[in-house]
Amino acid sequence: VALARVDYAAIKRDPLWSKTVAELAQFAPSQLSSKTERLAFYSNAYNILAIKMVLDHWPLQSIKDAGSLFTQVWNIDVGKIGGKTVTLNEVEHEIMRPMGDPRMHMAIVCASVSCPDLRSEPYVAERLDAQFDEQVVKFLNNSGKGLRQRDGDIEVSKIFGWFEEDFAVAGGVENFIRRYRNDLPRNADIEADIDYDWSLNGF
């Protein structure tokens, strides 16, 4: 799978890392006045907290290793946003998904090989629409984890199956995908069955 790997060891050594986490913990999301600002902020927050989860349990082979037999990693307290302790699931499912933009699923990265690639810049409200579109295009052009054609059929990431209901606002998964990949054959079936690799997306 082709991916932009994350240098977790370098992030852990970077003095700016602890400052970033501290600023996230102190920032009050109530300051954000628009949905676009909130979506940009929480996309960044999720990605920062996913990295934090990895570094808090470093070294590990998969972010899932940070969980236990009784508590999945997604439900473990990972850090603070605006003074409130949160889990990755809370950020994704309780805050971001209700905002109604399915492109977020290509913007947030759960530290795994089959996740969309971590963007090399933060999301900002002023350019969020273009940034999200770029993430979708990049993911749907990655044949290792986003979309591939095989024997006349189209296989896509399991993300599109797990969160199928989120794509209803875009006319469904197929319409969403074809909006970004208008080169796909019209009569091909689209199945969300590319194997998901939970190995760490780093070195």
C-alpha atoms as a PDB file:
ATOM      1  CA  VAL A   1       0.000   0.000   0.000  1.00  0.00           C
ATOM      2  CA  ALA A   2       1.387   3.391  -0.984  1.00  0.00           C
ATOM      3  CA  LEU A   3       1.134   5.877   1.838  1.00  0.00           C
ATOM      4  CA  ALA A   4       2.718   8.936   3.358  1.00  0.00           C
ATOM      5  CA  ARG A   5       4.371   7.428   6.414  1.00  0.00           C
ATOM      6  CA  VAL A   6       4.497   9.318   9.694  1.00  0.00           C
ATOM      7  CA  ASP A   7       7.782   9.636  11.587  1.00  0.00           C
ATOM      8  CA  TYR A   8       6.390   9.151  15.079  1.00  0.00           C
ATOM      9  CA  ALA A   9       9.794   9.030  16.746  1.00  0.00           C
ATOM     10  CA  ALA A  10      10.677  12.434  15.288  1.00  0.00           C
ATOM     11  CA  ILE A  11       7.374  13.913  16.447  1.00  0.00           C
ATOM     12  CA  LYS A  12       7.988  12.579  19.945  1.00  0.00           C
ATOM     13  CA  ARG A  13      11.386  14.318  20.031  1.00  0.00           C
ATOM     14  CA  ASP A  14      10.082  17.621  18.663  1.00  0.00           C
ATOM     15  CA  PRO A  15       9.665  20.242  21.437  1.00  0.00           C
ATOM     16  CA  LEU A  16       6.748  21.727  19.488  1.00  0.00           C
ATOM     17  CA  TRP A  17       4.772  18.521  19.983  1.00  0.00           C
ATOM     18  CA  SER A  18       4.078  18.990  23.694  1.00  0.00           C
ATOM     19  CA  LYS A  19       3.219  22.630  23.001  1.00  0.00           C
ATOM     20  CA  THR A  20       0.690  21.574  20.353  1.00  0.00           C
ATOM     21  CA  VAL A  21      -0.990  19.128  22.716  1.00  0.00           C
ATOM     22  CA  ALA A  22      -1.076  21.751  25.480  1.00  0.00           C
ATOM     23  CA  GLU A  23      -2.629  24.346  23.181  1.00  0.00           C
ATOM     24  CA  LEU A  24      -5.299  21.880  22.096  1.00  0.00           C
ATOM     25  CA  ALA A  25      -6.117  21.147  25.724  1.00  0.00           C
ATOM     26  CA  GLN A  26      -6.564  24.832  26.481  1.00  0.00           C
ATOM     27  CA  PHE A  27      -8.339  26.041  23.337  1.00  0.00           C
ATOM     28  CA  ALA A  28     -12.067  26.677  23.774  1.00  0.00           C
ATOM     29  CA  PRO A  29     -14.034  25.382  20.750  1.00  0.00           C
ATOM     30  CA  SER A  30     -16.834  27.782  21.724  1.00  0.00           C
ATOM     31  CA  GLN A  31     -14.716  30.469  20.046  1.00  0.00           C
ATOM     32  CA  LEU A  32     -15.439  28.908  16.667  1.00  0.00           C
ATOM     33  CA  SER A  33     -18.316  30.679  14.966  1.00  0.00           C
ATOM     34  CA  SER A  34     -19.024  28.529  11.897  1.00  0.00           C
ATOM     35  CA  LYS A  35     -19.431  24.869  11.017  1.00  0.00           C
ATOM     36  CA  THR A  36     -16.492  25.149   8.640  1.00  0.00           C
ATOM     37  CA  GLU A  37     -14.256  26.429  11.438  1.00  0.00           C
ATOM     38  CA  ARG A  38     -15.428  23.650  13.739  1.00  0.00           C
ATOM     39  CA  LEU A  39     -14.893  20.987  11.078  1.00  0.00           C
ATOM     40  CA  ALA A  40     -11.371  22.214  10.360  1.00  0.00           C
ATOM     41  CA  PHE A  41     -10.557  22.419  14.061  1.00  0.00           C
ATOM     42  CA  TYR A  42     -11.849  18.975  14.953  1.00  0.00           C
ATOM     43  CA  SER A  43     -10.182  17.364  11.929  1.00  0.00           C
ATOM     44  CA  ASN A  44      -6.879  18.694  13.228  1.00  0.00           C
ATOM     45  CA  ALA A  45      -7.771  17.772  16.792  1.00  0.00           C
ATOM     46  CA  TYR A  46      -8.601  14.176  15.869  1.00  0.00           C
ATOM     47  CA  ASN A  47      -5.333  13.741  14.002  1.00  0.00           C
ATOM     48  CA  ILE A  48      -3.314  15.267  16.840  1.00  0.00           C
ATOM     49  CA  LEU A  49      -5.014  13.015  19.386  1.00  0.00           C
ATOM     50  CA  ALA A  50      -4.534   9.898  17.244  1.00  0.00           C
ATOM     51  CA  ILE A  51      -0.813  10.694  17.086  1.00  0.00           C
ATOM     52  CA  LYS A  52      -0.843  11.318  20.835  1.00  0.00           C
ATOM     53  CA  MET A  53      -2.416   7.913  21.428  1.00  0.00           C
ATOM     54  CA  VAL A  54       0.404   6.283  19.471  1.00  0.00           C
ATOM     55  CA  LEU A  55       3.132   8.257  21.240  1.00  0.00           C
ATOM     56  CA  ASP A  56       1.618   7.640  24.683  1.00  0.00           C
ATOM     57  CA  HIS A  57       2.064   3.907  24.039  1.00  0.00           C
ATOM     58  CA  TRP A  58       5.198   4.069  21.894  1.00  0.00           C
ATOM     59  CA  PRO A  59       6.577   1.828  20.484  1.00  0.00           C
ATOM     60  CA  LEU A  60       3.734  -0.261  19.060  1.00  0.00           C
ATOM     61  CA  GLN A  61       2.823  -2.062  15.841  1.00  0.00           C
ATOM     62  CA  SER A  62      -0.766  -0.845  15.605  1.00  0.00           C
ATOM     63  CA  ILE A  63      -2.798   1.841  17.318  1.00  0.00           C
ATOM     64  CA  LYS A  64      -5.150  -0.965  18.337  1.00  0.00           C
ATOM     65  CA  ASP A  65      -2.379  -2.280  20.597  1.00  0.00           C
ATOM     66  CA  ALA A  66      -3.031   0.718  22.859  1.00  0.00           C
ATOM     67  CA  GLY A  67      -6.397  -0.785  23.729  1.00  0.00           C
ATOM     68  CA  SER A  68      -7.115  -3.729  25.975  1.00  0.00           C
ATOM     69  CA  LEU A  69      -9.277  -6.814  26.084  1.00  0.00           C
ATOM     70  CA  PHE A  70     -11.979  -4.769  27.779  1.00  0.00           C
ATOM     71  CA  THR A  71     -11.625  -1.321  26.188  1.00  0.00           C
ATOM     72  CA  GLN A  72     -10.946  -0.587  22.534  1.00  0.00           C
ATOM     73  CA  VAL A  73      -8.428   2.140  21.850  1.00  0.00           C
ATOM     74  CA  TRP A  74     -11.146   4.378  20.420  1.00  0.00           C
ATOM     75  CA  ASN A  75     -12.881   4.501  23.808  1.00  0.00           C
ATOM     76  CA  ILE A  76      -9.803   5.300  25.906  1.00  0.00           C
ATOM     77  CA  ASP A  77      -9.355   8.838  27.229  1.00  0.00           C
ATOM     78  CA  VAL A  78      -6.676  10.227  24.922  1.00  0.00           C
ATOM     79  CA  GLY A  79      -6.368  13.897  25.803  1.00  0.00           C
ATOM     80  CA  LYS A  80      -8.172  17.157  26.340  1.00  0.00           C
ATOM     81  CA  ILE A  81      -9.907  19.676  24.120  1.00  0.00           C
ATOM     82  CA  GLY A  82     -10.789  22.921  25.823  1.00  0.00           C
ATOM     83  CA  GLY A  83     -10.186  21.384  29.219  1.00  0.00           C
ATOM     84  CA  LYS A  84     -12.505  18.434  28.582  1.00  0.00           C
ATOM     85  CA  THR A  85     -11.123  14.899  28.410  1.00  0.00           C
ATOM     86  CA  VAL A  86     -12.191  13.104  25.233  1.00  0.00           C
ATOM     87  CA  THR A  87     -11.845   9.821  23.383  1.00  0.00           C
ATOM     88  CA  LEU A  88     -11.249   9.414  19.661  1.00  0.00           C
ATOM     89  CA  ASN A  89     -14.737   7.969  19.288  1.00  0.00           C
ATOM     90  CA  GLU A  90     -16.286  11.020  20.931  1.00  0.00           C
ATOM     91  CA  VAL A  91     -14.513  13.374  18.549  1.00  0.00           C
ATOM     92  CA  GLU A  92     -15.409  11.339  15.471  1.00  0.00           C
ATOM     93  CA  HIS A  93     -18.915  10.078  16.206  1.00  0.00           C
ATOM     94  CA  GLU A  94     -20.403  12.609  18.600  1.00  0.00           C
ATOM     95  CA  ILE A  95     -18.882  15.818  17.250  1.00  0.00           C
ATOM     96  CA  MET A  96     -17.724  15.430  13.650  1.00  0.00           C
ATOM     97  CA  ARG A  97     -20.146  13.027  11.982  1.00  0.00           C
ATOM     98  CA  PRO A  98     -23.241  15.039  12.969  1.00  0.00           C
ATOM     99  CA  MET A  99     -21.795  18.004  11.049  1.00  0.00           C
ATOM    100  CA  GLY A 100     -22.847  16.183   7.890  1.00  0.00           C
ATOM    101  CA  ASP A 101     -19.792  16.329   5.623  1.00  0.00           C
ATOM    102  CA  PRO A 102     -18.751  12.779   4.654  1.00  0.00           C
ATOM    103  CA  ARG A 103     -15.451  14.047   3.274  1.00  0.00           C
ATOM    104  CA  MET A 104     -14.270  14.165   6.882  1.00  0.00           C
ATOM    105  CA  HIS A 105     -13.672  10.421   6.616  1.00  0.00           C
ATOM    106  CA  MET A 106     -10.821  11.154   4.197  1.00  0.00           C
ATOM    107  CA  ALA A 107      -9.444  13.892   6.457  1.00  0.00           C
ATOM    108  CA  ILE A 108      -9.139  12.142   9.802  1.00  0.00           C
ATOM    109  CA  VAL A 109      -6.421   9.545  10.181  1.00  0.00           C
ATOM    110  CA  CYS A 110      -6.508   6.755  12.760  1.00  0.00           C
ATOM    111  CA  ALA A 111      -2.766   6.089  12.491  1.00  0.00           C
ATOM    112  CA  SER A 112      -3.153   3.013  10.290  1.00  0.00           C
ATOM    113  CA  VAL A 113      -1.856   1.990   6.862  1.00  0.00           C
ATOM    114  CA  SER A 114      -5.323   1.782   5.312  1.00  0.00           C
ATOM    115  CA  CYS A 115      -6.415   5.164   6.644  1.00  0.00           C
ATOM    116  CA  PRO A 116      -6.287   8.143   4.298  1.00  0.00           C
ATOM    117  CA  ASP A 117      -2.855   9.766   4.271  1.00  0.00           C
ATOM    118  CA  LEU A 118      -2.106  12.326   6.957  1.00  0.00           C
ATOM    119  CA  ARG A 119      -2.071  15.748   5.335  1.00  0.00           C
ATOM    120  CA  SER A 120       1.211  17.656   5.587  1.00  0.00           C
ATOM    121  CA  GLU A 121      -0.545  20.876   6.588  1.00  0.00           C
ATOM    122  CA  PRO A 122      -3.322  21.718   9.040  1.00  0.00           C
ATOM    123  CA  TYR A 123      -6.887  22.150   7.899  1.00  0.00           C
ATOM    124  CA  VAL A 124      -8.024  25.778   7.816  1.00  0.00           C
ATOM    125  CA  ALA A 125     -11.549  27.092   7.389  1.00  0.00           C
ATOM    126  CA  GLU A 126     -10.601  29.393   4.518  1.00  0.00           C
ATOM    127  CA  ARG A 127      -9.469  26.468   2.339  1.00  0.00           C
ATOM    128  CA  LEU A 128     -11.290  23.555   3.917  1.00  0.00           C
ATOM    129  CA  ASP A 129     -13.502  22.780   0.935  1.00  0.00           C
ATOM    130  CA  ALA A 130     -10.492  22.463  -1.375  1.00  0.00           C
ATOM    131  CA  GLN A 131      -8.455  20.587   1.242  1.00  0.00           C
ATOM    132  CA  PHE A 132     -11.229  18.052   1.804  1.00  0.00           C
ATOM    133  CA  ASP A 133     -11.692  17.573  -1.946  1.00  0.00           C
ATOM    134  CA  GLU A 134      -7.954  17.002  -2.354  1.00  0.00           C
ATOM    135  CA  GLN A 135      -8.036  14.365   0.387  1.00  0.00           C
ATOM    136  CA  VAL A 136     -10.909  12.540  -1.303  1.00  0.00           C
ATOM    137  CA  VAL A 137      -9.249  12.630  -4.732  1.00  0.00           C
ATOM    138  CA  LYS A 138      -5.963  11.354  -3.336  1.00  0.00           C
ATOM    139  CA  PHE A 139      -7.660   8.539  -1.441  1.00  0.00           C
ATOM    140  CA  LEU A 140      -9.816   7.436  -4.370  1.00  0.00           C
ATOM    141  CA  ASN A 141      -6.752   7.353  -6.611  1.00  0.00           C
ATOM    142  CA  ASN A 142      -4.815   5.112  -4.232  1.00  0.00           C
ATOM    143  CA  SER A 143      -5.380   1.592  -5.547  1.00  0.00           C
ATOM    144  CA  GLY A 144      -3.873   0.031  -2.439  1.00  0.00           C
ATOM    145  CA  LYS A 145      -6.432   1.295   0.023  1.00  0.00           C
ATOM    146  CA  GLY A 146      -8.919   3.705  -1.547  1.00  0.00           C
ATOM    147  CA  LEU A 147     -10.268   2.309  -4.821  1.00  0.00           C
ATOM    148  CA  ARG A 148      -9.212  -0.332  -7.304  1.00  0.00           C
ATOM    149  CA  GLN A 149     -10.772  -1.948 -10.338  1.00  0.00           C
ATOM    150  CA  ARG A 150     -10.696  -5.713 -10.604  1.00  0.00           C
ATOM    151  CA  ASP A 151     -12.402  -8.069 -13.064  1.00  0.00           C
ATOM    152  CA  GLY A 152     -14.866  -5.402 -14.120  1.00  0.00           C
ATOM    153  CA  ASP A 153     -15.886  -4.539 -10.578  1.00  0.00           C
ATOM    154  CA  ILE A 154     -14.822  -1.688  -8.330  1.00  0.00           C
ATOM    155  CA  GLU A 155     -13.527  -2.306  -4.819  1.00  0.00           C
ATOM    156  CA  VAL A 156     -13.327   0.576  -2.359  1.00  0.00           C
ATOM    157  CA  SER A 157     -12.187   1.067   1.217  1.00  0.00           C
ATOM    158  CA  LYS A 158     -14.270  -0.426   4.003  1.00  0.00           C
ATOM    159  CA  ILE A 159     -14.631   3.138   5.272  1.00  0.00           C
ATOM    160  CA  PHE A 160     -17.439   3.521   2.722  1.00  0.00           C
ATOM    161  CA  GLY A 161     -19.229   0.522   4.202  1.00  0.00           C
ATOM    162  CA  TRP A 162     -18.711   1.381   7.850  1.00  0.00           C
ATOM    163  CA  PHE A 163     -20.055   4.898   7.359  1.00  0.00           C
ATOM    164  CA  GLU A 164     -22.432   4.320   4.449  1.00  0.00           C
ATOM    165  CA  GLU A 165     -25.216   6.346   6.065  1.00  0.00           C
ATOM    166  CA  ASP A 166     -22.990   9.435   6.192  1.00  0.00           C
ATOM    167  CA  PHE A 167     -22.836   9.533   2.396  1.00  0.00           C
ATOM    168  CA  ALA A 168     -26.622   9.808   2.010  1.00  0.00           C
ATOM    169  CA  VAL A 169     -26.273  13.604   1.912  1.00  0.00           C
ATOM    170  CA  ALA A 170     -24.183  13.142  -1.250  1.00  0.00           C
ATOM    171  CA  GLY A 171     -26.704  10.819  -2.887  1.00  0.00           C
ATOM    172  CA  GLY A 172     -25.105   7.671  -1.510  1.00  0.00           C
ATOM    173  CA  VAL A 173     -21.671   6.096  -1.653  1.00  0.00           C
ATOM    174  CA  GLU A 174     -21.706   5.418  -5.398  1.00  0.00           C
ATOM    175  CA  ASN A 175     -22.708   8.963  -6.339  1.00  0.00           C
ATOM    176  CA  PHE A 176     -20.088  10.350  -3.974  1.00  0.00           C
ATOM    177  CA  ILE A 177     -17.338   8.219  -5.487  1.00  0.00           C
ATOM    178  CA  ARG A 178     -18.323   8.887  -9.093  1.00  0.00           C
ATOM    179  CA  ARG A 179     -18.291  12.623  -8.445  1.00  0.00           C
ATOM    180  CA  TYR A 180     -14.542  12.344  -7.876  1.00  0.00           C
ATOM    181  CA  ARG A 181     -13.872   9.430 -10.255  1.00  0.00           C
ATOM    182  CA  ASN A 182     -15.975  10.078 -13.353  1.00  0.00           C
ATOM    183  CA  ASP A 183     -13.704   7.738 -15.307  1.00  0.00           C
ATOM    184  CA  LEU A 184     -15.214   4.639 -13.716  1.00  0.00           C
ATOM    185  CA  PRO A 185     -17.322   2.330 -15.922  1.00  0.00           C
ATOM    186  CA  ARG A 186     -21.024   2.996 -15.404  1.00  0.00           C
ATOM    187  CA  ASN A 187     -22.104  -0.630 -15.228  1.00  0.00           C
ATOM    188  CA  ALA A 188     -19.539  -1.682 -12.622  1.00  0.00           C
ATOM    189  CA  ASP A 189     -20.626  -2.699  -9.134  1.00  0.00           C
ATOM    190  CA  ILE A 190     -18.966  -0.867  -6.258  1.00  0.00           C
ATOM    191  CA  GLU A 191     -18.191  -2.952  -3.177  1.00  0.00           C
ATOM    192  CA  ALA A 192     -16.579  -1.700   0.038  1.00  0.00           C
ATOM    193  CA  ASP A 193     -14.356  -4.708   0.582  1.00  0.00           C
ATOM    194  CA  ILE A 194     -10.686  -3.735   0.324  1.00  0.00           C
ATOM    195  CA  ASP A 195      -8.990  -5.413   3.279  1.00  0.00           C
ATOM    196  CA  TYR A 196      -8.213  -2.912   6.042  1.00  0.00           C
ATOM    197  CA  ASP A 197      -4.628  -2.898   7.266  1.00  0.00           C
ATOM    198  CA  TRP A 198      -4.457  -1.706  10.873  1.00  0.00           C
ATOM    199  CA  SER A 199      -0.647  -1.695  10.942  1.00  0.00           C
ATOM    200  CA  LEU A 200       0.857   1.578  12.092  1.00  0.00           C
ATOM    201  CA  ASN A 201       1.215   4.138   9.294  1.00  0.00           C
ATOM    202  CA  GLY A 202       4.688   5.083  10.409  1.00  0.00           C
ATOM    203  CA  PHE A 203       8.256   4.051  11.066  1.00  0.00           C
END
